[in-house]
Amino acid sequence: MLADPTGAHAAAFAAVFATLYAAHQVADHWIQTQHQADCKGQPGWAGRLACAAHVATYTATAVLALVFLIAGTGLRLDPSGVTVGLGISAVTHYIADRRTPLRQIADQLRKSPAWLDKAGGMYALDQSWHVGWLFIAALFCAV
């Protein structure tokens, strides 16, 4: 990346990350339907479709949030960078919300089954996975 003596790239990244994080919270906890939440981790096409529907509304929420950011601040973002960033966010969100991939990673890392299943560990791993990938997505969006 080129030197940025004014800090404009860092400021854009910070604004985009905050926006995507806020959109994530709204989309994952308010926009997601109960059906999507209940079914997205189920095996087969019913689970895949519920997860895809959740990721679609999740991504639409992120797009809307970025539109508000741009309208409210005048920030200019490269559409191709935003497309890549939101694509990364969508794909990684789908992977996590299918449940099995995160559970397999947790098992390989020897996370305690009691912590995973009874103490909210899977939720914590799910949310930290999403936020970590939002960081990467924001880097692409703010290029």
N, C-alpha and C. Protein backbone atom coordinates (compact mmCIF):
# COMPACT_ATOMS: atom_id res chain seq x y z
N MET A 1 0.85 -1.18 0.00
CA MET A 1 0.00 0.00 0.00
C MET A 1 0.89 1.24 0.00
N LEU A 2 0.44 2.26 -0.67
CA LEU A 2 1.18 3.51 -0.73
C LEU A 2 1.16 4.24 0.60
N ALA A 3 2.20 5.04 0.81
CA ALA A 3 2.23 5.85 2.03
C ALA A 3 1.01 6.77 2.07
N ASP A 4 0.51 7.00 3.25
CA ASP A 4 -0.69 7.82 3.43
C ASP A 4 -0.42 8.84 4.54
N PRO A 5 0.33 9.90 4.22
CA PRO A 5 0.70 10.85 5.27
C PRO A 5 -0.49 11.58 5.90
N THR A 6 -1.61 11.67 5.20
CA THR A 6 -2.76 12.37 5.75
C THR A 6 -3.60 11.49 6.66
N GLY A 7 -3.41 10.18 6.56
CA GLY A 7 -4.21 9.25 7.37
C GLY A 7 -5.58 8.98 6.78
N ALA A 8 -5.80 9.39 5.54
CA ALA A 8 -7.13 9.22 4.93
C ALA A 8 -7.52 7.75 4.80
N HIS A 9 -6.58 6.88 4.43
CA HIS A 9 -6.91 5.45 4.31
C HIS A 9 -7.25 4.86 5.67
N ALA A 10 -6.49 5.24 6.69
CA ALA A 10 -6.77 4.73 8.03
C ALA A 10 -8.13 5.20 8.52
N ALA A 11 -8.46 6.45 8.25
CA ALA A 11 -9.75 6.99 8.66
C ALA A 11 -10.89 6.29 7.91
N ALA A 12 -10.69 6.04 6.62
CA ALA A 12 -11.72 5.34 5.84
C ALA A 12 -11.91 3.93 6.39
N PHE A 13 -10.79 3.25 6.67
CA PHE A 13 -10.89 1.90 7.23
C PHE A 13 -11.66 1.92 8.55
N ALA A 14 -11.32 2.84 9.43
CA ALA A 14 -11.98 2.92 10.74
C ALA A 14 -13.48 3.16 10.57
N ALA A 15 -13.85 4.05 9.68
CA ALA A 15 -15.27 4.35 9.46
C ALA A 15 -15.99 3.14 8.88
N VAL A 16 -15.36 2.47 7.92
CA VAL A 16 -15.99 1.31 7.29
C VAL A 16 -16.10 0.16 8.29
N PHE A 17 -15.05 -0.08 9.06
CA PHE A 17 -15.11 -1.16 10.05
C PHE A 17 -16.23 -0.91 11.07
N ALA A 18 -16.30 0.31 11.58
CA ALA A 18 -17.36 0.63 12.54
C ALA A 18 -18.74 0.44 11.92
N THR A 19 -18.87 0.82 10.67
CA THR A 19 -20.15 0.67 9.97
C THR A 19 -20.50 -0.79 9.78
N LEU A 20 -19.54 -1.59 9.33
CA LEU A 20 -19.80 -3.01 9.13
C LEU A 20 -20.08 -3.72 10.45
N TYR A 21 -19.41 -3.30 11.51
CA TYR A 21 -19.66 -3.90 12.82
C TYR A 21 -21.08 -3.58 13.30
N ALA A 22 -21.49 -2.33 13.14
CA ALA A 22 -22.85 -1.95 13.53
C ALA A 22 -23.88 -2.71 12.69
N ALA A 23 -23.63 -2.80 11.40
CA ALA A 23 -24.54 -3.54 10.51
C ALA A 23 -24.60 -5.01 10.91
N HIS A 24 -23.46 -5.56 11.28
CA HIS A 24 -23.41 -6.96 11.73
C HIS A 24 -24.32 -7.17 12.94
N GLN A 25 -24.22 -6.29 13.92
CA GLN A 25 -25.03 -6.42 15.13
C GLN A 25 -26.52 -6.36 14.79
N VAL A 26 -26.90 -5.41 13.96
CA VAL A 26 -28.30 -5.26 13.59
C VAL A 26 -28.78 -6.46 12.78
N ALA A 27 -28.00 -6.86 11.79
CA ALA A 27 -28.41 -7.95 10.90
C ALA A 27 -28.47 -9.29 11.62
N ASP A 28 -27.49 -9.55 12.49
CA ASP A 28 -27.45 -10.85 13.16
C ASP A 28 -28.47 -10.97 14.28
N HIS A 29 -28.86 -9.85 14.89
CA HIS A 29 -29.74 -9.94 16.05
C HIS A 29 -31.14 -9.36 15.85
N TRP A 30 -31.32 -8.47 14.88
CA TRP A 30 -32.63 -7.87 14.64
C TRP A 30 -33.23 -8.30 13.30
N ILE A 31 -32.45 -8.31 12.27
CA ILE A 31 -32.98 -8.57 10.92
C ILE A 31 -33.19 -10.06 10.68
N GLN A 32 -32.29 -10.88 11.16
CA GLN A 32 -32.40 -12.32 10.97
C GLN A 32 -33.73 -12.82 11.53
N THR A 33 -34.44 -13.61 10.73
CA THR A 33 -35.73 -14.14 11.20
C THR A 33 -35.50 -15.32 12.15
N GLN A 34 -36.52 -15.63 12.91
CA GLN A 34 -36.42 -16.77 13.81
C GLN A 34 -36.23 -18.06 13.03
N HIS A 35 -36.92 -18.17 11.89
CA HIS A 35 -36.76 -19.35 11.04
C HIS A 35 -35.31 -19.50 10.59
N GLN A 36 -34.70 -18.40 10.13
CA GLN A 36 -33.30 -18.46 9.70
C GLN A 36 -32.40 -18.89 10.86
N ALA A 37 -32.60 -18.29 12.02
CA ALA A 37 -31.78 -18.62 13.18
C ALA A 37 -31.93 -20.09 13.58
N ASP A 38 -33.15 -20.59 13.52
CA ASP A 38 -33.41 -21.97 13.93
C ASP A 38 -32.92 -23.00 12.91
N CYS A 39 -32.95 -22.65 11.64
CA CYS A 39 -32.72 -23.65 10.58
C CYS A 39 -31.39 -23.56 9.86
N LYS A 40 -30.67 -22.44 9.96
CA LYS A 40 -29.48 -22.22 9.12
C LYS A 40 -28.36 -23.23 9.35
N GLY A 41 -28.33 -23.89 10.48
CA GLY A 41 -27.30 -24.88 10.74
C GLY A 41 -27.74 -26.31 10.48
N GLN A 42 -28.98 -26.49 10.05
CA GLN A 42 -29.49 -27.83 9.81
C GLN A 42 -28.87 -28.44 8.55
N PRO A 43 -28.75 -29.75 8.52
CA PRO A 43 -28.19 -30.40 7.32
C PRO A 43 -29.16 -30.30 6.15
N GLY A 44 -28.64 -30.44 4.97
CA GLY A 44 -29.47 -30.49 3.77
C GLY A 44 -29.85 -29.13 3.24
N TRP A 45 -30.73 -29.18 2.24
CA TRP A 45 -31.10 -27.95 1.53
C TRP A 45 -31.88 -26.97 2.38
N ALA A 46 -32.69 -27.47 3.32
CA ALA A 46 -33.44 -26.56 4.18
C ALA A 46 -32.48 -25.67 4.96
N GLY A 47 -31.43 -26.24 5.50
CA GLY A 47 -30.44 -25.47 6.23
C GLY A 47 -29.66 -24.53 5.34
N ARG A 48 -29.25 -25.03 4.18
CA ARG A 48 -28.50 -24.20 3.24
C ARG A 48 -29.32 -22.99 2.80
N LEU A 49 -30.58 -23.20 2.49
CA LEU A 49 -31.43 -22.10 2.03
C LEU A 49 -31.70 -21.10 3.15
N ALA A 50 -31.94 -21.58 4.36
CA ALA A 50 -32.15 -20.66 5.48
C ALA A 50 -30.90 -19.83 5.73
N CYS A 51 -29.74 -20.46 5.63
CA CYS A 51 -28.48 -19.74 5.83
C CYS A 51 -28.25 -18.74 4.71
N ALA A 52 -28.52 -19.15 3.48
CA ALA A 52 -28.35 -18.23 2.34
C ALA A 52 -29.29 -17.03 2.47
N ALA A 53 -30.52 -17.26 2.92
CA ALA A 53 -31.46 -16.15 3.10
C ALA A 53 -30.96 -15.20 4.19
N HIS A 54 -30.41 -15.75 5.28
CA HIS A 54 -29.85 -14.91 6.33
C HIS A 54 -28.67 -14.10 5.80
N VAL A 55 -27.77 -14.74 5.07
CA VAL A 55 -26.59 -14.04 4.54
C VAL A 55 -27.02 -12.96 3.55
N ALA A 56 -28.07 -13.20 2.79
CA ALA A 56 -28.56 -12.18 1.85
C ALA A 56 -29.06 -10.94 2.60
N THR A 57 -29.85 -11.14 3.65
CA THR A 57 -30.35 -9.98 4.41
C THR A 57 -29.23 -9.34 5.21
N TYR A 58 -28.29 -10.13 5.67
CA TYR A 58 -27.11 -9.63 6.38
C TYR A 58 -26.29 -8.71 5.46
N THR A 59 -26.06 -9.16 4.25
CA THR A 59 -25.28 -8.38 3.28
C THR A 59 -26.05 -7.13 2.86
N ALA A 60 -27.35 -7.25 2.66
CA ALA A 60 -28.16 -6.08 2.32
C ALA A 60 -28.12 -5.04 3.44
N THR A 61 -28.11 -5.48 4.67
CA THR A 61 -28.00 -4.56 5.80
C THR A 61 -26.65 -3.85 5.77
N ALA A 62 -25.58 -4.57 5.45
CA ALA A 62 -24.25 -3.96 5.35
C ALA A 62 -24.21 -2.94 4.22
N VAL A 63 -24.82 -3.27 3.08
CA VAL A 63 -24.85 -2.32 1.96
C VAL A 63 -25.60 -1.06 2.37
N LEU A 64 -26.74 -1.21 3.00
CA LEU A 64 -27.52 -0.05 3.43
C LEU A 64 -26.73 0.80 4.43
N ALA A 65 -26.05 0.16 5.34
CA ALA A 65 -25.24 0.89 6.32
C ALA A 65 -24.13 1.67 5.62
N LEU A 66 -23.48 1.06 4.63
CA LEU A 66 -22.43 1.76 3.89
C LEU A 66 -23.01 2.93 3.09
N VAL A 67 -24.21 2.77 2.56
CA VAL A 67 -24.87 3.88 1.85
C VAL A 67 -25.09 5.04 2.81
N PHE A 68 -25.55 4.74 4.01
CA PHE A 68 -25.74 5.81 5.01
C PHE A 68 -24.41 6.45 5.39
N LEU A 69 -23.36 5.65 5.53
CA LEU A 69 -22.04 6.19 5.83
C LEU A 69 -21.59 7.15 4.74
N ILE A 70 -21.72 6.73 3.50
CA ILE A 70 -21.30 7.55 2.36
C ILE A 70 -22.13 8.83 2.29
N ALA A 71 -23.44 8.69 2.44
CA ALA A 71 -24.33 9.87 2.38
C ALA A 71 -24.06 10.84 3.53
N GLY A 72 -23.76 10.29 4.69
CA GLY A 72 -23.57 11.14 5.85
C GLY A 72 -22.21 11.78 5.97
N THR A 73 -21.21 11.17 5.33
CA THR A 73 -19.84 11.69 5.50
C THR A 73 -19.20 12.16 4.21
N GLY A 74 -19.75 11.75 3.08
CA GLY A 74 -19.11 12.08 1.80
C GLY A 74 -17.93 11.18 1.49
N LEU A 75 -17.73 10.14 2.29
CA LEU A 75 -16.63 9.20 2.06
C LEU A 75 -16.78 8.57 0.68
N ARG A 76 -15.67 8.46 -0.02
CA ARG A 76 -15.68 7.83 -1.34
C ARG A 76 -15.04 6.46 -1.22
N LEU A 77 -15.76 5.45 -1.67
CA LEU A 77 -15.25 4.08 -1.65
C LEU A 77 -15.25 3.53 -3.07
N ASP A 78 -14.24 2.74 -3.38
CA ASP A 78 -14.15 2.10 -4.68
C ASP A 78 -15.17 0.95 -4.73
N PRO A 79 -16.09 0.96 -5.68
CA PRO A 79 -17.11 -0.10 -5.75
C PRO A 79 -16.52 -1.51 -5.84
N SER A 80 -15.39 -1.66 -6.53
CA SER A 80 -14.81 -3.00 -6.65
C SER A 80 -14.26 -3.46 -5.30
N GLY A 81 -13.66 -2.56 -4.54
CA GLY A 81 -13.18 -2.92 -3.20
C GLY A 81 -14.32 -3.28 -2.28
N VAL A 82 -15.41 -2.52 -2.37
CA VAL A 82 -16.60 -2.81 -1.55
C VAL A 82 -17.18 -4.16 -1.94
N THR A 83 -17.22 -4.45 -3.23
CA THR A 83 -17.75 -5.73 -3.69
C THR A 83 -16.92 -6.89 -3.16
N VAL A 84 -15.61 -6.77 -3.23
CA VAL A 84 -14.74 -7.83 -2.70
C VAL A 84 -14.92 -7.95 -1.19
N GLY A 85 -14.90 -6.82 -0.49
CA GLY A 85 -15.05 -6.85 0.95
C GLY A 85 -16.35 -7.48 1.40
N LEU A 86 -17.45 -7.07 0.78
CA LEU A 86 -18.75 -7.64 1.15
C LEU A 86 -18.85 -9.10 0.73
N GLY A 87 -18.18 -9.47 -0.35
CA GLY A 87 -18.14 -10.88 -0.75
C GLY A 87 -17.43 -11.73 0.29
N ILE A 88 -16.30 -11.23 0.79
CA ILE A 88 -15.57 -11.93 1.86
C ILE A 88 -16.45 -12.07 3.09
N SER A 89 -17.12 -10.99 3.45
CA SER A 89 -18.00 -11.02 4.61
C SER A 89 -19.11 -12.04 4.43
N ALA A 90 -19.74 -12.05 3.26
CA ALA A 90 -20.86 -12.96 3.01
C ALA A 90 -20.42 -14.42 3.04
N VAL A 91 -19.34 -14.74 2.34
CA VAL A 91 -18.88 -16.14 2.28
C VAL A 91 -18.48 -16.64 3.66
N THR A 92 -17.72 -15.85 4.39
CA THR A 92 -17.27 -16.30 5.71
C THR A 92 -18.42 -16.34 6.71
N HIS A 93 -19.42 -15.48 6.52
CA HIS A 93 -20.59 -15.53 7.39
C HIS A 93 -21.37 -16.82 7.15
N TYR A 94 -21.52 -17.17 5.88
CA TYR A 94 -22.22 -18.42 5.55
C TYR A 94 -21.50 -19.62 6.14
N ILE A 95 -20.17 -19.66 6.00
CA ILE A 95 -19.39 -20.78 6.53
C ILE A 95 -19.63 -20.93 8.03
N ALA A 96 -19.53 -19.84 8.76
CA ALA A 96 -19.71 -19.90 10.21
C ALA A 96 -21.12 -20.31 10.59
N ASP A 97 -22.10 -19.76 9.91
CA ASP A 97 -23.49 -20.00 10.30
C ASP A 97 -24.02 -21.36 9.90
N ARG A 98 -23.27 -22.10 9.12
CA ARG A 98 -23.66 -23.49 8.86
C ARG A 98 -23.30 -24.37 10.05
N ARG A 99 -22.58 -23.85 11.01
CA ARG A 99 -22.28 -24.44 12.31
C ARG A 99 -21.18 -25.51 12.28
N THR A 100 -21.29 -26.50 11.41
CA THR A 100 -20.34 -27.61 11.41
C THR A 100 -18.90 -27.15 11.22
N PRO A 101 -18.60 -26.25 10.29
CA PRO A 101 -17.19 -25.85 10.13
C PRO A 101 -16.59 -25.25 11.40
N LEU A 102 -17.32 -24.36 12.08
CA LEU A 102 -16.78 -23.78 13.31
C LEU A 102 -16.62 -24.83 14.40
N ARG A 103 -17.56 -25.75 14.48
CA ARG A 103 -17.47 -26.81 15.48
C ARG A 103 -16.25 -27.68 15.22
N GLN A 104 -15.98 -27.97 13.96
CA GLN A 104 -14.80 -28.78 13.62
C GLN A 104 -13.51 -28.05 14.00
N ILE A 105 -13.46 -26.74 13.74
CA ILE A 105 -12.28 -25.96 14.12
C ILE A 105 -12.13 -25.96 15.64
N ALA A 106 -13.22 -25.75 16.35
CA ALA A 106 -13.19 -25.74 17.82
C ALA A 106 -12.71 -27.08 18.36
N ASP A 107 -13.19 -28.15 17.77
CA ASP A 107 -12.76 -29.49 18.21
C ASP A 107 -11.27 -29.70 17.94
N GLN A 108 -10.80 -29.25 16.78
CA GLN A 108 -9.37 -29.38 16.45
C GLN A 108 -8.50 -28.56 17.40
N LEU A 109 -9.03 -27.44 17.87
CA LEU A 109 -8.29 -26.60 18.82
C LEU A 109 -8.48 -27.07 20.27
N ARG A 110 -9.20 -28.18 20.43
CA ARG A 110 -9.44 -28.80 21.74
C ARG A 110 -10.18 -27.87 22.71
N LYS A 111 -11.14 -27.13 22.16
CA LYS A 111 -11.99 -26.32 23.03
C LYS A 111 -12.87 -27.26 23.85
N SER A 112 -13.09 -26.92 25.09
CA SER A 112 -13.86 -27.76 25.99
C SER A 112 -15.30 -27.91 25.51
N PRO A 113 -15.78 -29.16 25.34
CA PRO A 113 -17.18 -29.35 24.95
C PRO A 113 -18.16 -28.71 25.93
N ALA A 114 -17.83 -28.72 27.21
CA ALA A 114 -18.71 -28.09 28.20
C ALA A 114 -18.78 -26.59 27.95
N TRP A 115 -17.66 -25.97 27.66
CA TRP A 115 -17.65 -24.53 27.37
C TRP A 115 -18.40 -24.24 26.08
N LEU A 116 -18.16 -25.06 25.07
CA LEU A 116 -18.80 -24.84 23.77
C LEU A 116 -20.31 -24.96 23.86
N ASP A 117 -20.77 -25.98 24.56
CA ASP A 117 -22.19 -26.31 24.54
C ASP A 117 -23.02 -25.68 25.66
N LYS A 118 -22.41 -25.40 26.78
CA LYS A 118 -23.20 -24.94 27.92
C LYS A 118 -22.87 -23.53 28.38
N ALA A 119 -21.72 -23.03 28.06
CA ALA A 119 -21.30 -21.72 28.58
C ALA A 119 -21.26 -20.64 27.50
N GLY A 120 -21.92 -20.89 26.38
CA GLY A 120 -21.96 -19.88 25.33
C GLY A 120 -20.72 -19.82 24.47
N GLY A 121 -19.90 -20.86 24.54
CA GLY A 121 -18.65 -20.85 23.78
C GLY A 121 -18.84 -20.81 22.28
N MET A 122 -19.80 -21.56 21.76
CA MET A 122 -20.01 -21.55 20.31
C MET A 122 -20.49 -20.18 19.84
N TYR A 123 -21.33 -19.53 20.63
CA TYR A 123 -21.77 -18.18 20.27
C TYR A 123 -20.57 -17.23 20.26
N ALA A 124 -19.71 -17.33 21.26
CA ALA A 124 -18.53 -16.47 21.33
C ALA A 124 -17.60 -16.72 20.15
N LEU A 125 -17.39 -17.98 19.79
CA LEU A 125 -16.55 -18.28 18.63
C LEU A 125 -17.18 -17.77 17.34
N ASP A 126 -18.50 -17.94 17.22
CA ASP A 126 -19.23 -17.46 16.04
C ASP A 126 -19.07 -15.95 15.89
N GLN A 127 -19.31 -15.21 16.96
CA GLN A 127 -19.25 -13.75 16.87
C GLN A 127 -17.82 -13.27 16.64
N SER A 128 -16.84 -13.87 17.29
CA SER A 128 -15.46 -13.44 17.08
C SER A 128 -14.99 -13.77 15.67
N TRP A 129 -15.45 -14.88 15.12
CA TRP A 129 -15.15 -15.22 13.72
C TRP A 129 -15.69 -14.12 12.80
N HIS A 130 -16.94 -13.75 13.01
CA HIS A 130 -17.55 -12.72 12.17
C HIS A 130 -16.79 -11.39 12.27
N VAL A 131 -16.48 -10.96 13.47
CA VAL A 131 -15.80 -9.67 13.66
C VAL A 131 -14.40 -9.71 13.04
N GLY A 132 -13.71 -10.82 13.20
CA GLY A 132 -12.39 -10.94 12.58
C GLY A 132 -12.45 -10.80 11.07
N TRP A 133 -13.43 -11.43 10.46
CA TRP A 133 -13.58 -11.32 9.01
C TRP A 133 -14.10 -9.94 8.59
N LEU A 134 -14.88 -9.29 9.46
CA LEU A 134 -15.30 -7.90 9.16
C LEU A 134 -14.08 -6.99 9.08
N PHE A 135 -13.08 -7.25 9.91
CA PHE A 135 -11.84 -6.48 9.86
C PHE A 135 -11.20 -6.61 8.47
N ILE A 136 -11.11 -7.85 7.97
CA ILE A 136 -10.54 -8.09 6.64
C ILE A 136 -11.42 -7.44 5.57
N ALA A 137 -12.72 -7.61 5.68
CA ALA A 137 -13.64 -7.01 4.71
C ALA A 137 -13.49 -5.50 4.65
N ALA A 138 -13.36 -4.86 5.82
CA ALA A 138 -13.20 -3.41 5.86
C ALA A 138 -11.92 -2.97 5.19
N LEU A 139 -10.86 -3.76 5.31
CA LEU A 139 -9.61 -3.42 4.62
C LEU A 139 -9.83 -3.36 3.11
N PHE A 140 -10.57 -4.31 2.57
CA PHE A 140 -10.85 -4.31 1.13
C PHE A 140 -11.79 -3.17 0.74
N CYS A 141 -12.82 -2.95 1.56
CA CYS A 141 -13.80 -1.90 1.25
C CYS A 141 -13.16 -0.52 1.24
N ALA A 142 -12.18 -0.29 2.09
CA ALA A 142 -11.60 1.04 2.26
C ALA A 142 -10.38 1.28 1.39
N VAL A 143 -10.07 0.37 0.49
CA VAL A 143 -8.89 0.52 -0.38
C VAL A 143 -9.02 1.79 -1.20
